[in-house]
């Protein structure tokens, strides 16, 4: 008789989007990045830490995350750090990052976060 196993833990999916519509941006242009974290699993995810280095070509960085189950987002030295305390199944949170492009003439985007 075969044994059927059911995974009952969390499963986190991360997607990102930006308001940049071209392959380049101009100096001084305001940018917005969205990082969506969704738990598509069967269990609750706890203490999910979000850390990211942001390009030196982005200044005036601010960030916030939706929901009240997350720690305050800390932005220091172009690094973002926060913890989601709990993310139930089928629940998602959005990390919104804003900044201003700092580069001579224009920047080519290799990655959402420059």
C-alpha atoms as a PDB file:
ATOM      1  CA  UNK A   1       0.000   0.000   0.000  1.00  0.00           C
ATOM      2  CA  UNK A   2       1.523   3.375  -0.982  1.00  0.00           C
ATOM      3  CA  UNK A   3       1.983   5.988   1.697  1.00  0.00           C
ATOM      4  CA  UNK A   4       0.610   9.419   0.834  1.00  0.00           C
ATOM      5  CA  UNK A   5       2.281  12.346   2.549  1.00  0.00           C
ATOM      6  CA  UNK A   6       0.820  15.805   2.848  1.00  0.00           C
ATOM      7  CA  UNK A   7       3.132  18.767   3.409  1.00  0.00           C
ATOM      8  CA  UNK A   8       1.490  21.041   5.965  1.00  0.00           C
ATOM      9  CA  UNK A   9       4.101  23.736   6.405  1.00  0.00           C
ATOM     10  CA  UNK A  10       4.378  27.247   5.022  1.00  0.00           C
ATOM     11  CA  UNK A  11       5.455  27.955   1.459  1.00  0.00           C
ATOM     12  CA  UNK A  12       6.636  31.501   0.758  1.00  0.00           C
ATOM     13  CA  UNK A  13       6.494  33.022  -2.709  1.00  0.00           C
ATOM     14  CA  UNK A  14       8.237  36.321  -3.417  1.00  0.00           C
ATOM     15  CA  UNK A  15       7.552  38.577  -6.395  1.00  0.00           C
ATOM     16  CA  UNK A  16       8.645  42.097  -7.209  1.00  0.00           C
ATOM     17  CA  UNK A  17       7.480  44.953  -9.363  1.00  0.00           C
ATOM     18  CA  UNK A  18       8.550  48.527 -10.070  1.00  0.00           C
ATOM     19  CA  UNK A  19       7.197  51.738 -11.543  1.00  0.00           C
ATOM     20  CA  UNK A  20      10.133  51.869 -14.003  1.00  0.00           C
ATOM     21  CA  UNK A  21       8.808  51.470 -17.548  1.00  0.00           C
ATOM     22  CA  UNK A  22      12.063  51.809 -19.543  1.00  0.00           C
ATOM     23  CA  UNK A  23      15.370  49.955 -19.366  1.00  0.00           C
ATOM     24  CA  UNK A  24      16.992  53.095 -17.979  1.00  0.00           C
ATOM     25  CA  UNK A  25      16.219  55.838 -15.510  1.00  0.00           C
ATOM     26  CA  UNK A  26      17.349  59.441 -15.260  1.00  0.00           C
ATOM     27  CA  UNK A  27      19.241  61.108 -12.429  1.00  0.00           C
ATOM     28  CA  UNK A  28      16.802  62.440  -9.830  1.00  0.00           C
ATOM     29  CA  UNK A  29      13.958  60.188 -10.955  1.00  0.00           C
ATOM     30  CA  UNK A  30      11.785  58.869  -8.120  1.00  0.00           C
ATOM     31  CA  UNK A  31      11.451  55.098  -8.070  1.00  0.00           C
ATOM     32  CA  UNK A  32       9.138  52.713  -6.288  1.00  0.00           C
ATOM     33  CA  UNK A  33       9.679  48.997  -5.829  1.00  0.00           C
ATOM     34  CA  UNK A  34       7.158  46.522  -4.465  1.00  0.00           C
ATOM     35  CA  UNK A  35       8.163  43.178  -2.994  1.00  0.00           C
ATOM     36  CA  UNK A  36       5.211  40.854  -2.330  1.00  0.00           C
ATOM     37  CA  UNK A  37       5.660  37.991   0.128  1.00  0.00           C
ATOM     38  CA  UNK A  38       2.811  35.461   0.065  1.00  0.00           C
ATOM     39  CA  UNK A  39       2.370  32.286   2.065  1.00  0.00           C
ATOM     40  CA  UNK A  40       0.790  29.726  -0.275  1.00  0.00           C
ATOM     41  CA  UNK A  41       1.412  26.808   2.055  1.00  0.00           C
ATOM     42  CA  UNK A  42      -0.795  25.097   4.597  1.00  0.00           C
ATOM     43  CA  UNK A  43       0.924  26.358   7.732  1.00  0.00           C
ATOM     44  CA  UNK A  44       1.813  29.680   9.272  1.00  0.00           C
ATOM     45  CA  UNK A  45       5.254  31.132   8.548  1.00  0.00           C
ATOM     46  CA  UNK A  46       6.872  32.715  11.591  1.00  0.00           C
ATOM     47  CA  UNK A  47       9.780  35.106  12.057  1.00  0.00           C
ATOM     48  CA  UNK A  48      10.472  35.612   8.346  1.00  0.00           C
ATOM     49  CA  UNK A  49      13.448  37.950   8.033  1.00  0.00           C
ATOM     50  CA  UNK A  50      13.696  40.220   5.010  1.00  0.00           C
ATOM     51  CA  UNK A  51      17.141  41.648   4.296  1.00  0.00           C
ATOM     52  CA  UNK A  52      18.350  43.298   1.130  1.00  0.00           C
ATOM     53  CA  UNK A  53      21.247  45.405  -0.061  1.00  0.00           C
ATOM     54  CA  UNK A  54      20.180  48.309  -2.224  1.00  0.00           C
ATOM     55  CA  UNK A  55      22.377  49.884  -4.863  1.00  0.00           C
ATOM     56  CA  UNK A  56      24.477  52.899  -3.964  1.00  0.00           C
ATOM     57  CA  UNK A  57      22.748  54.584  -6.923  1.00  0.00           C
ATOM     58  CA  UNK A  58      19.522  54.920  -4.955  1.00  0.00           C
ATOM     59  CA  UNK A  59      19.259  57.690  -2.340  1.00  0.00           C
ATOM     60  CA  UNK A  60      16.570  59.064  -0.027  1.00  0.00           C
ATOM     61  CA  UNK A  61      15.418  55.506   0.601  1.00  0.00           C
ATOM     62  CA  UNK A  62      12.286  54.857   2.602  1.00  0.00           C
ATOM     63  CA  UNK A  63      10.447  51.603   3.124  1.00  0.00           C
ATOM     64  CA  UNK A  64       7.314  50.326   4.793  1.00  0.00           C
ATOM     65  CA  UNK A  65       5.467  47.046   4.941  1.00  0.00           C
ATOM     66  CA  UNK A  66       1.725  46.421   5.044  1.00  0.00           C
ATOM     67  CA  UNK A  67       0.090  44.760   7.991  1.00  0.00           C
ATOM     68  CA  UNK A  68       0.653  44.981  11.710  1.00  0.00           C
ATOM     69  CA  UNK A  69       2.427  41.660  12.103  1.00  0.00           C
ATOM     70  CA  UNK A  70       5.798  42.981  10.961  1.00  0.00           C
ATOM     71  CA  UNK A  71       8.623  44.764  12.711  1.00  0.00           C
ATOM     72  CA  UNK A  72       9.385  48.315  11.594  1.00  0.00           C
ATOM     73  CA  UNK A  73      11.441  48.354   8.396  1.00  0.00           C
ATOM     74  CA  UNK A  74      14.940  49.597   9.072  1.00  0.00           C
ATOM     75  CA  UNK A  75      16.885  51.327   6.298  1.00  0.00           C
ATOM     76  CA  UNK A  76      20.533  52.039   7.038  1.00  0.00           C
ATOM     77  CA  UNK A  77      23.559  52.331   4.735  1.00  0.00           C
ATOM     78  CA  UNK A  78      21.472  51.183   1.749  1.00  0.00           C
ATOM     79  CA  UNK A  79      20.389  48.005   3.535  1.00  0.00           C
ATOM     80  CA  UNK A  80      16.822  47.036   4.382  1.00  0.00           C
ATOM     81  CA  UNK A  81      16.019  44.769   7.306  1.00  0.00           C
ATOM     82  CA  UNK A  82      12.695  43.727   8.838  1.00  0.00           C
ATOM     83  CA  UNK A  83      10.999  40.662  10.298  1.00  0.00           C
ATOM     84  CA  UNK A  84       7.496  39.385   9.613  1.00  0.00           C
ATOM     85  CA  UNK A  85       6.404  37.824  12.883  1.00  0.00           C
ATOM     86  CA  UNK A  86       3.624  35.691  11.401  1.00  0.00           C
ATOM     87  CA  UNK A  87       2.204  35.125   7.938  1.00  0.00           C
ATOM     88  CA  UNK A  88      -0.822  32.826   7.816  1.00  0.00           C
ATOM     89  CA  UNK A  89      -1.583  30.645   4.814  1.00  0.00           C
ATOM     90  CA  UNK A  90      -3.004  32.625   1.880  1.00  0.00           C
ATOM     91  CA  UNK A  91      -1.867  35.846   3.545  1.00  0.00           C
ATOM     92  CA  UNK A  92       0.502  38.281   1.869  1.00  0.00           C
ATOM     93  CA  UNK A  93       2.444  41.371   2.819  1.00  0.00           C
ATOM     94  CA  UNK A  94       3.857  44.070   0.582  1.00  0.00           C
ATOM     95  CA  UNK A  95       7.193  45.762   1.195  1.00  0.00           C
ATOM     96  CA  UNK A  96       7.209  49.154  -0.544  1.00  0.00           C
ATOM     97  CA  UNK A  97      10.602  50.759  -1.164  1.00  0.00           C
ATOM     98  CA  UNK A  98      10.962  54.313  -2.470  1.00  0.00           C
ATOM     99  CA  UNK A  99      14.078  56.187  -3.486  1.00  0.00           C
ATOM    100  CA  UNK A 100      15.674  58.639  -5.901  1.00  0.00           C
ATOM    101  CA  UNK A 101      18.121  57.715  -8.665  1.00  0.00           C
ATOM    102  CA  UNK A 102      21.658  59.036  -8.134  1.00  0.00           C
ATOM    103  CA  UNK A 103      23.826  58.496 -11.205  1.00  0.00           C
ATOM    104  CA  UNK A 104      25.408  60.601 -13.915  1.00  0.00           C
ATOM    105  CA  UNK A 105      23.041  61.105 -16.862  1.00  0.00           C
ATOM    106  CA  UNK A 106      21.178  57.783 -16.719  1.00  0.00           C
ATOM    107  CA  UNK A 107      21.334  54.357 -15.091  1.00  0.00           C
ATOM    108  CA  UNK A 108      20.804  51.019 -16.778  1.00  0.00           C
ATOM    109  CA  UNK A 109      18.674  48.689 -14.699  1.00  0.00           C
ATOM    110  CA  UNK A 110      20.051  45.158 -14.281  1.00  0.00           C
ATOM    111  CA  UNK A 111      17.877  44.328 -11.324  1.00  0.00           C
ATOM    112  CA  UNK A 112      14.816  45.942  -9.769  1.00  0.00           C
ATOM    113  CA  UNK A 113      16.939  47.446  -7.012  1.00  0.00           C
ATOM    114  CA  UNK A 114      19.454  48.942  -9.476  1.00  0.00           C
END
